[in-house]
Protein backbone atom coordinates (compact mmCIF):
# COMPACT_ATOMS: atom_id res chain seq x y z
CA MET A 1 17.32 -15.99 8.51
CA ASN A 2 13.60 -15.26 8.03
CA HIS A 3 12.48 -14.05 4.62
CA ASN A 4 8.90 -12.94 5.13
CA ILE A 5 7.42 -10.58 2.58
CA ALA A 6 4.56 -8.20 3.30
CA LEU A 7 2.63 -6.17 0.74
CA GLY A 8 0.77 -3.07 1.67
CA ILE A 9 0.73 0.71 1.77
CA ILE A 10 3.18 2.29 4.18
CA ARG A 11 1.14 4.26 6.75
CA LYS A 12 4.00 5.01 9.20
CA ASP A 13 7.75 4.80 8.71
CA ALA A 14 9.36 5.66 12.02
CA ALA A 15 12.61 4.93 13.62
CA ASP A 16 11.15 2.20 15.79
CA GLU A 17 8.37 0.71 13.68
CA ILE A 18 6.81 0.37 10.22
CA ILE A 19 3.03 0.13 9.81
CA LEU A 20 1.48 -1.25 6.58
CA SER A 21 -2.10 -0.84 5.64
CA LEU A 22 -3.36 -4.11 4.24
CA GLY A 23 -6.86 -2.96 3.47
CA PRO A 24 -9.62 -0.68 4.65
CA SER A 25 -9.54 -1.94 8.28
CA ALA A 26 -6.41 -4.03 8.47
CA GLU A 27 -2.88 -2.91 9.46
CA ILE A 28 0.23 -4.74 10.46
CA THR A 29 3.06 -3.35 12.52
CA PHE A 30 6.76 -4.44 12.22
CA PRO A 31 9.57 -3.46 14.56
CA ARG A 32 12.05 -1.45 12.42
CA SER A 33 14.75 -3.84 13.48
CA GLU A 34 13.00 -6.71 11.67
CA VAL A 35 12.72 -4.87 8.32
CA ASN A 36 15.61 -5.61 5.96
CA ALA A 37 14.49 -3.85 2.79
CA PHE A 38 11.63 -2.03 1.09
CA GLN A 39 10.85 -2.66 -2.57
CA PRO A 40 8.07 -1.07 -4.57
CA ALA A 41 5.53 -3.50 -5.96
CA ALA A 42 5.75 -4.23 -9.65
CA THR A 43 1.91 -4.03 -9.94
CA SER A 44 -0.78 -1.87 -8.53
CA LEU A 45 -2.85 -2.82 -5.47
CA MET A 46 -5.95 -1.88 -7.43
CA PRO A 47 -7.68 -5.02 -8.71
CA THR A 48 -7.08 -5.70 -12.42
CA GLY A 49 -9.76 -4.48 -14.74
CA TYR A 50 -10.98 -1.44 -12.75
CA ASP A 51 -9.76 0.80 -15.58
CA GLY A 52 -12.27 -0.90 -17.84
CA ILE A 53 -15.15 -0.83 -15.41
CA LEU A 54 -14.86 2.85 -14.31
CA THR A 55 -15.59 5.69 -16.67
CA PRO A 56 -12.63 8.02 -17.39
CA GLN A 57 -14.18 10.59 -15.02
CA GLN A 58 -14.62 8.01 -12.23
CA LEU A 59 -10.99 6.79 -12.67
CA ALA A 60 -9.77 10.46 -12.57
CA ASP A 61 -11.87 11.07 -9.37
CA LEU A 62 -10.48 7.91 -7.80
CA VAL A 63 -6.81 8.90 -8.63
CA ALA A 64 -7.46 12.41 -7.21
CA TYR A 65 -9.01 10.90 -4.04
CA LEU A 66 -6.13 8.50 -3.51
CA HIS A 67 -3.54 11.24 -4.15
CA ALA A 68 -5.22 13.54 -1.63
CA SER A 69 -5.39 10.86 1.05
CA LYS A 70 -1.68 10.19 1.10
C-alpha cells in the first residue's frame, strides 16, 4: 500500500483524474483511481507572516483576488 501525500490547490476534480496546482507554474495530475482520500490542510498555503507585511487593504485585495480566481 502506497501512502503518498500531496499538498496543493485542486484545479480539476473529474471522474478520471485530479489535478493539483502546486504553485504558479506547477501542476501534478493523479489518476482518480490512485486517490484514496482528500483532507483539507490545517494551515494556509500562504507563507507565514504575510498578514504582518501587507497593509489591511492589501490583504483585503489579495483575499478578493484569490476568491475571484477560484
